[in-house]
Amino acid sequence: AALQALCNDLQKQMPSIQCQCEVTGEERRLSPDLELAAFRVVQEALGNIRKHVRSVTRVEVQMEFRENEIWTLVHNDGPVFPTPDVRSLVRNGHLGLAGMYERARLFHGELHISSDPALGTTVRLRLPCPPESEAEAETAAV
């Protein structure tokens, strides 16, 4: 629901954009910190589109729940930019992108940003999220 709200907000602010949100796999609650990390990465990716890529017409946001991890993707059809180096991002004051990489790293995940003239720009986030342990499941059931 939170990802869909981000897409709806983007479309309200930029009516020329078609933003599609898709969630696949067996949805489940994640730890609050992990949920926030995934949300903030998507929020920053969409915020960057709003601020820097006015010519975008289509945005896709996907989240896939897998057994031991989640995959999140934000793709747009706008102009491309050089794939960033985290150190240069910080030096040049691009703290939002640097923060995306840092959130992935804090949770032992991966963030990849690819930009291709024929395909547009894609942000891919993979975060490990092991299933609840039996003790956590029992506590939640009480």
N, C-alpha and C. Protein backbone atom coordinates (compact mmCIF):
# COMPACT_ATOMS: atom_id res chain seq x y z
N ALA A 1 0.83 -1.19 0.00
CA ALA A 1 0.00 0.00 0.00
C ALA A 1 0.88 1.26 0.00
N ALA A 2 1.99 1.22 0.74
CA ALA A 2 2.86 2.39 0.81
C ALA A 2 3.51 2.68 -0.54
N LEU A 3 3.90 1.63 -1.26
CA LEU A 3 4.50 1.83 -2.58
C LEU A 3 3.48 2.39 -3.57
N GLN A 4 2.27 1.88 -3.49
CA GLN A 4 1.21 2.39 -4.36
C GLN A 4 0.94 3.86 -4.06
N ALA A 5 0.97 4.23 -2.79
CA ALA A 5 0.76 5.63 -2.42
C ALA A 5 1.86 6.52 -3.01
N LEU A 6 3.11 6.03 -3.01
CA LEU A 6 4.19 6.80 -3.62
C LEU A 6 3.95 6.99 -5.12
N CYS A 7 3.49 5.94 -5.79
CA CYS A 7 3.19 6.04 -7.23
C CYS A 7 2.04 7.02 -7.48
N ASN A 8 1.00 6.92 -6.67
CA ASN A 8 -0.14 7.83 -6.82
C ASN A 8 0.29 9.28 -6.63
N ASP A 9 1.14 9.52 -5.65
CA ASP A 9 1.63 10.87 -5.37
C ASP A 9 2.44 11.39 -6.56
N LEU A 10 3.29 10.55 -7.14
CA LEU A 10 4.07 10.96 -8.30
C LEU A 10 3.15 11.34 -9.46
N GLN A 11 2.14 10.54 -9.70
CA GLN A 11 1.20 10.83 -10.80
C GLN A 11 0.41 12.11 -10.55
N LYS A 12 0.07 12.40 -9.30
CA LYS A 12 -0.63 13.65 -9.00
C LYS A 12 0.26 14.85 -9.26
N GLN A 13 1.54 14.74 -8.89
CA GLN A 13 2.46 15.85 -9.06
C GLN A 13 2.92 16.00 -10.51
N MET A 14 2.94 14.89 -11.25
CA MET A 14 3.38 14.90 -12.63
C MET A 14 2.38 14.11 -13.47
N PRO A 15 1.25 14.73 -13.83
CA PRO A 15 0.16 14.02 -14.53
C PRO A 15 0.57 13.38 -15.85
N SER A 16 1.68 13.81 -16.45
CA SER A 16 2.10 13.22 -17.73
C SER A 16 2.76 11.85 -17.54
N ILE A 17 3.02 11.47 -16.30
CA ILE A 17 3.67 10.19 -16.02
C ILE A 17 2.64 9.11 -15.72
N GLN A 18 2.85 7.96 -16.31
CA GLN A 18 2.07 6.77 -15.96
C GLN A 18 2.96 5.94 -15.03
N CYS A 19 2.53 5.76 -13.79
CA CYS A 19 3.32 5.03 -12.80
C CYS A 19 2.57 3.77 -12.41
N GLN A 20 3.19 2.64 -12.64
CA GLN A 20 2.57 1.34 -12.36
C GLN A 20 3.30 0.70 -11.18
N CYS A 21 2.53 0.14 -10.26
CA CYS A 21 3.10 -0.52 -9.08
C CYS A 21 2.62 -1.97 -9.07
N GLU A 22 3.56 -2.89 -8.89
CA GLU A 22 3.23 -4.32 -8.88
C GLU A 22 3.98 -5.01 -7.75
N VAL A 23 3.27 -5.81 -6.99
CA VAL A 23 3.87 -6.61 -5.91
C VAL A 23 3.59 -8.07 -6.22
N THR A 24 4.65 -8.88 -6.20
CA THR A 24 4.49 -10.30 -6.48
C THR A 24 5.08 -11.11 -5.34
N GLY A 25 4.76 -12.38 -5.34
CA GLY A 25 5.23 -13.27 -4.28
C GLY A 25 4.28 -13.24 -3.10
N GLU A 26 4.63 -13.98 -2.09
CA GLU A 26 3.80 -14.06 -0.88
C GLU A 26 4.11 -12.87 0.03
N GLU A 27 3.21 -11.88 0.01
CA GLU A 27 3.43 -10.68 0.81
C GLU A 27 3.44 -11.02 2.29
N ARG A 28 4.34 -10.35 3.00
CA ARG A 28 4.44 -10.53 4.45
C ARG A 28 5.03 -9.27 5.05
N ARG A 29 4.80 -9.09 6.32
CA ARG A 29 5.40 -7.96 7.03
C ARG A 29 6.87 -8.26 7.24
N LEU A 30 7.66 -7.24 7.09
CA LEU A 30 9.09 -7.33 7.34
C LEU A 30 9.38 -6.61 8.65
N SER A 31 10.61 -6.70 9.11
CA SER A 31 10.96 -5.94 10.30
C SER A 31 10.75 -4.45 9.97
N PRO A 32 10.38 -3.66 10.95
CA PRO A 32 10.14 -2.23 10.68
C PRO A 32 11.33 -1.53 10.02
N ASP A 33 12.55 -1.86 10.45
CA ASP A 33 13.74 -1.23 9.85
C ASP A 33 13.91 -1.62 8.39
N LEU A 34 13.65 -2.87 8.07
CA LEU A 34 13.78 -3.34 6.70
C LEU A 34 12.69 -2.74 5.81
N GLU A 35 11.47 -2.68 6.33
CA GLU A 35 10.38 -2.04 5.57
C GLU A 35 10.72 -0.59 5.27
N LEU A 36 11.24 0.11 6.27
CA LEU A 36 11.58 1.51 6.08
C LEU A 36 12.70 1.67 5.06
N ALA A 37 13.69 0.81 5.11
CA ALA A 37 14.80 0.89 4.15
C ALA A 37 14.29 0.73 2.73
N ALA A 38 13.47 -0.28 2.48
CA ALA A 38 12.93 -0.50 1.13
C ALA A 38 12.07 0.68 0.69
N PHE A 39 11.22 1.16 1.60
CA PHE A 39 10.35 2.30 1.29
C PHE A 39 11.19 3.53 0.93
N ARG A 40 12.21 3.82 1.72
CA ARG A 40 13.03 5.02 1.49
C ARG A 40 13.80 4.95 0.18
N VAL A 41 14.26 3.78 -0.21
CA VAL A 41 14.95 3.65 -1.49
C VAL A 41 13.99 3.94 -2.64
N VAL A 42 12.79 3.38 -2.58
CA VAL A 42 11.81 3.66 -3.63
C VAL A 42 11.42 5.14 -3.61
N GLN A 43 11.22 5.69 -2.43
CA GLN A 43 10.85 7.11 -2.29
C GLN A 43 11.93 8.00 -2.90
N GLU A 44 13.18 7.71 -2.63
CA GLU A 44 14.28 8.51 -3.17
C GLU A 44 14.36 8.36 -4.70
N ALA A 45 14.19 7.15 -5.20
CA ALA A 45 14.23 6.93 -6.65
C ALA A 45 13.12 7.73 -7.35
N LEU A 46 11.92 7.69 -6.78
CA LEU A 46 10.81 8.45 -7.37
C LEU A 46 11.03 9.96 -7.19
N GLY A 47 11.60 10.35 -6.07
CA GLY A 47 11.90 11.77 -5.84
C GLY A 47 12.92 12.28 -6.85
N ASN A 48 13.90 11.45 -7.19
CA ASN A 48 14.89 11.85 -8.19
C ASN A 48 14.25 12.01 -9.57
N ILE A 49 13.29 11.17 -9.88
CA ILE A 49 12.56 11.34 -11.14
C ILE A 49 11.84 12.67 -11.12
N ARG A 50 11.18 12.96 -10.03
CA ARG A 50 10.40 14.20 -9.88
C ARG A 50 11.31 15.43 -10.03
N LYS A 51 12.50 15.36 -9.44
CA LYS A 51 13.40 16.52 -9.43
C LYS A 51 14.24 16.68 -10.69
N HIS A 52 14.68 15.56 -11.26
CA HIS A 52 15.72 15.64 -12.28
C HIS A 52 15.33 15.14 -13.66
N VAL A 53 14.24 14.43 -13.79
CA VAL A 53 13.94 13.78 -15.07
C VAL A 53 12.52 14.14 -15.51
N ARG A 54 12.37 15.36 -15.93
CA ARG A 54 11.04 15.87 -16.28
C ARG A 54 10.45 15.21 -17.53
N SER A 55 11.25 14.59 -18.37
CA SER A 55 10.75 14.03 -19.62
C SER A 55 10.27 12.58 -19.50
N VAL A 56 10.26 12.03 -18.30
CA VAL A 56 9.79 10.66 -18.10
C VAL A 56 8.30 10.57 -18.42
N THR A 57 7.91 9.47 -19.09
CA THR A 57 6.49 9.24 -19.35
C THR A 57 5.98 7.99 -18.65
N ARG A 58 6.88 7.07 -18.36
CA ARG A 58 6.47 5.80 -17.75
C ARG A 58 7.43 5.40 -16.63
N VAL A 59 6.84 5.02 -15.50
CA VAL A 59 7.61 4.55 -14.35
C VAL A 59 7.01 3.23 -13.88
N GLU A 60 7.85 2.27 -13.59
CA GLU A 60 7.41 0.99 -13.04
C GLU A 60 8.06 0.80 -11.68
N VAL A 61 7.25 0.43 -10.70
CA VAL A 61 7.75 0.09 -9.38
C VAL A 61 7.32 -1.35 -9.12
N GLN A 62 8.28 -2.20 -8.82
CA GLN A 62 7.98 -3.61 -8.56
C GLN A 62 8.62 -4.04 -7.25
N MET A 63 7.91 -4.86 -6.52
CA MET A 63 8.48 -5.50 -5.34
C MET A 63 8.15 -6.98 -5.43
N GLU A 64 9.16 -7.80 -5.27
CA GLU A 64 8.97 -9.24 -5.32
C GLU A 64 9.41 -9.84 -3.98
N PHE A 65 8.47 -10.52 -3.34
CA PHE A 65 8.79 -11.23 -2.11
C PHE A 65 9.27 -12.63 -2.48
N ARG A 66 10.47 -12.94 -2.07
CA ARG A 66 11.01 -14.29 -2.24
C ARG A 66 11.15 -14.90 -0.86
N GLU A 67 11.55 -16.15 -0.82
CA GLU A 67 11.60 -16.85 0.46
C GLU A 67 12.50 -16.16 1.48
N ASN A 68 13.71 -15.78 1.07
CA ASN A 68 14.68 -15.22 2.00
C ASN A 68 15.13 -13.81 1.65
N GLU A 69 14.43 -13.15 0.74
CA GLU A 69 14.82 -11.81 0.34
C GLU A 69 13.67 -11.11 -0.37
N ILE A 70 13.83 -9.80 -0.50
CA ILE A 70 12.90 -9.03 -1.32
C ILE A 70 13.71 -8.34 -2.41
N TRP A 71 13.09 -8.19 -3.56
CA TRP A 71 13.68 -7.48 -4.68
C TRP A 71 12.76 -6.31 -4.99
N THR A 72 13.34 -5.14 -5.13
CA THR A 72 12.57 -3.96 -5.49
C THR A 72 13.21 -3.34 -6.72
N LEU A 73 12.37 -2.89 -7.63
CA LEU A 73 12.85 -2.31 -8.87
C LEU A 73 12.07 -1.02 -9.14
N VAL A 74 12.78 0.01 -9.54
CA VAL A 74 12.15 1.25 -10.01
C VAL A 74 12.77 1.54 -11.36
N HIS A 75 11.94 1.56 -12.39
CA HIS A 75 12.43 1.77 -13.75
C HIS A 75 11.70 2.95 -14.37
N ASN A 76 12.45 3.77 -15.12
CA ASN A 76 11.80 4.86 -15.86
C ASN A 76 12.37 4.93 -17.26
N ASP A 77 11.60 5.55 -18.15
CA ASP A 77 12.00 5.63 -19.56
C ASP A 77 12.65 6.97 -19.89
N GLY A 78 13.12 7.67 -18.90
CA GLY A 78 13.72 8.99 -19.11
C GLY A 78 15.15 8.92 -19.59
N PRO A 79 15.77 10.10 -19.72
CA PRO A 79 17.16 10.15 -20.17
C PRO A 79 18.09 9.47 -19.17
N VAL A 80 19.23 9.08 -19.66
CA VAL A 80 20.18 8.31 -18.85
C VAL A 80 21.22 9.23 -18.25
N PHE A 81 21.97 8.68 -17.30
CA PHE A 81 23.08 9.40 -16.68
C PHE A 81 24.17 8.37 -16.39
N PRO A 82 25.40 8.83 -16.18
CA PRO A 82 26.48 7.89 -15.89
C PRO A 82 26.20 7.12 -14.60
N THR A 83 26.52 5.84 -14.60
CA THR A 83 26.35 5.04 -13.39
C THR A 83 27.24 5.62 -12.30
N PRO A 84 26.64 5.93 -11.15
CA PRO A 84 27.41 6.67 -10.13
C PRO A 84 28.35 5.79 -9.31
N ASP A 85 29.40 6.42 -8.84
CA ASP A 85 30.32 5.85 -7.87
C ASP A 85 29.95 6.47 -6.53
N VAL A 86 29.78 5.66 -5.50
CA VAL A 86 29.27 6.15 -4.21
C VAL A 86 30.16 7.26 -3.65
N ARG A 87 31.47 7.10 -3.70
CA ARG A 87 32.36 8.13 -3.14
C ARG A 87 32.19 9.46 -3.86
N SER A 88 32.07 9.40 -5.19
CA SER A 88 31.91 10.65 -5.93
C SER A 88 30.54 11.27 -5.65
N LEU A 89 29.53 10.45 -5.38
CA LEU A 89 28.22 10.98 -5.02
C LEU A 89 28.31 11.82 -3.76
N VAL A 90 28.98 11.29 -2.75
CA VAL A 90 29.11 12.01 -1.48
C VAL A 90 29.93 13.28 -1.68
N ARG A 91 31.05 13.17 -2.39
CA ARG A 91 31.90 14.35 -2.64
C ARG A 91 31.13 15.45 -3.36
N ASN A 92 30.24 15.06 -4.26
CA ASN A 92 29.50 16.04 -5.06
C ASN A 92 28.16 16.43 -4.44
N GLY A 93 27.90 15.99 -3.22
CA GLY A 93 26.70 16.41 -2.52
C GLY A 93 25.43 15.67 -2.91
N HIS A 94 25.53 14.55 -3.60
CA HIS A 94 24.35 13.76 -3.99
C HIS A 94 24.06 12.74 -2.88
N LEU A 95 23.62 13.23 -1.76
CA LEU A 95 23.47 12.38 -0.58
C LEU A 95 22.28 11.44 -0.69
N GLY A 96 21.28 11.79 -1.49
CA GLY A 96 20.13 10.91 -1.65
C GLY A 96 20.51 9.58 -2.28
N LEU A 97 21.25 9.63 -3.38
CA LEU A 97 21.71 8.40 -4.02
C LEU A 97 22.68 7.66 -3.12
N ALA A 98 23.57 8.39 -2.47
CA ALA A 98 24.51 7.74 -1.55
C ALA A 98 23.76 7.05 -0.42
N GLY A 99 22.70 7.69 0.07
CA GLY A 99 21.88 7.10 1.12
C GLY A 99 21.20 5.82 0.68
N MET A 100 20.82 5.74 -0.59
CA MET A 100 20.21 4.52 -1.12
C MET A 100 21.21 3.36 -1.02
N TYR A 101 22.44 3.62 -1.44
CA TYR A 101 23.47 2.59 -1.36
C TYR A 101 23.73 2.20 0.09
N GLU A 102 23.76 3.20 0.96
CA GLU A 102 24.04 2.93 2.37
C GLU A 102 22.93 2.09 3.01
N ARG A 103 21.67 2.36 2.70
CA ARG A 103 20.56 1.56 3.25
C ARG A 103 20.70 0.10 2.83
N ALA A 104 21.05 -0.13 1.58
CA ALA A 104 21.24 -1.51 1.12
C ALA A 104 22.38 -2.17 1.88
N ARG A 105 23.48 -1.46 2.03
CA ARG A 105 24.66 -2.01 2.70
C ARG A 105 24.37 -2.33 4.17
N LEU A 106 23.62 -1.46 4.85
CA LEU A 106 23.32 -1.68 6.27
C LEU A 106 22.57 -2.98 6.51
N PHE A 107 21.80 -3.42 5.52
CA PHE A 107 21.01 -4.65 5.67
C PHE A 107 21.61 -5.80 4.88
N HIS A 108 22.90 -5.68 4.54
CA HIS A 108 23.63 -6.73 3.80
C HIS A 108 22.97 -7.01 2.45
N GLY A 109 22.43 -5.96 1.86
CA GLY A 109 21.78 -6.09 0.56
C GLY A 109 22.64 -5.48 -0.53
N GLU A 110 22.03 -5.31 -1.68
CA GLU A 110 22.72 -4.75 -2.85
C GLU A 110 21.82 -3.75 -3.52
N LEU A 111 22.42 -2.69 -4.03
CA LEU A 111 21.71 -1.71 -4.83
C LEU A 111 22.49 -1.53 -6.12
N HIS A 112 21.80 -1.61 -7.23
CA HIS A 112 22.41 -1.41 -8.54
C HIS A 112 21.59 -0.38 -9.30
N ILE A 113 22.28 0.58 -9.87
CA ILE A 113 21.63 1.57 -10.72
C ILE A 113 22.24 1.41 -12.10
N SER A 114 21.38 1.18 -13.09
CA SER A 114 21.86 1.06 -14.46
C SER A 114 21.10 2.06 -15.32
N SER A 115 21.82 2.62 -16.26
CA SER A 115 21.24 3.62 -17.13
C SER A 115 21.68 3.31 -18.55
N ASP A 116 20.72 3.08 -19.43
CA ASP A 116 21.01 2.67 -20.79
C ASP A 116 20.16 3.50 -21.75
N PRO A 117 20.77 4.09 -22.78
CA PRO A 117 20.00 4.95 -23.68
C PRO A 117 18.79 4.26 -24.31
N ALA A 118 18.88 2.97 -24.55
CA ALA A 118 17.76 2.26 -25.18
C ALA A 118 16.71 1.81 -24.17
N LEU A 119 17.11 1.68 -22.89
CA LEU A 119 16.20 1.09 -21.90
C LEU A 119 15.75 2.05 -20.81
N GLY A 120 16.43 3.16 -20.63
CA GLY A 120 16.11 4.07 -19.53
C GLY A 120 16.95 3.75 -18.31
N THR A 121 16.45 4.15 -17.15
CA THR A 121 17.20 3.98 -15.90
C THR A 121 16.46 3.03 -14.97
N THR A 122 17.22 2.15 -14.34
CA THR A 122 16.65 1.16 -13.43
C THR A 122 17.43 1.15 -12.13
N VAL A 123 16.69 1.18 -11.03
CA VAL A 123 17.25 1.02 -9.70
C VAL A 123 16.78 -0.33 -9.19
N ARG A 124 17.72 -1.21 -8.86
CA ARG A 124 17.39 -2.54 -8.33
C ARG A 124 17.93 -2.67 -6.91
N LEU A 125 17.07 -3.07 -6.01
CA LEU A 125 17.45 -3.26 -4.61
C LEU A 125 17.14 -4.69 -4.21
N ARG A 126 18.13 -5.37 -3.62
CA ARG A 126 17.92 -6.70 -3.05
C ARG A 126 18.25 -6.63 -1.58
N LEU A 127 17.29 -7.03 -0.76
CA LEU A 127 17.50 -7.06 0.68
C LEU A 127 17.20 -8.45 1.22
N PRO A 128 18.13 -9.05 1.96
CA PRO A 128 17.82 -10.33 2.58
C PRO A 128 16.78 -10.13 3.67
N CYS A 129 15.85 -11.06 3.76
CA CYS A 129 14.84 -11.02 4.83
C CYS A 129 14.44 -12.45 5.15
N PRO A 130 15.21 -13.09 6.03
CA PRO A 130 14.91 -14.47 6.38
C PRO A 130 13.51 -14.58 6.97
N PRO A 131 12.86 -15.72 6.77
CA PRO A 131 11.53 -15.92 7.34
C PRO A 131 11.59 -15.79 8.86
N GLU A 132 10.45 -15.46 9.44
CA GLU A 132 10.38 -15.37 10.90
C GLU A 132 10.83 -16.69 11.53
N SER A 133 11.55 -16.58 12.63
CA SER A 133 11.90 -17.80 13.35
C SER A 133 10.65 -18.30 14.07
N GLU A 134 10.67 -19.52 14.47
CA GLU A 134 9.51 -20.07 15.17
C GLU A 134 9.21 -19.28 16.43
N ALA A 135 10.23 -18.83 17.14
CA ALA A 135 10.01 -18.07 18.37
C ALA A 135 9.31 -16.75 18.06
N GLU A 136 9.72 -16.08 16.99
CA GLU A 136 9.07 -14.82 16.63
C GLU A 136 7.63 -15.07 16.21
N ALA A 137 7.39 -16.17 15.50
CA ALA A 137 6.04 -16.50 15.06
C ALA A 137 5.14 -16.78 16.27
N GLU A 138 5.68 -17.50 17.26
CA GLU A 138 4.89 -17.80 18.45
C GLU A 138 4.58 -16.53 19.24
N THR A 139 5.55 -15.63 19.35
CA THR A 139 5.33 -14.37 20.05
C THR A 139 4.27 -13.55 19.35
N ALA A 140 4.32 -13.51 18.02
CA ALA A 140 3.34 -12.75 17.27
C ALA A 140 1.94 -13.31 17.41
N ALA A 141 1.84 -14.63 17.59
CA ALA A 141 0.53 -15.27 17.69
C ALA A 141 -0.12 -15.03 19.05
N VAL A 142 0.65 -14.70 20.06
CA VAL A 142 0.12 -14.51 21.42
C VAL A 142 -0.57 -13.21 21.57
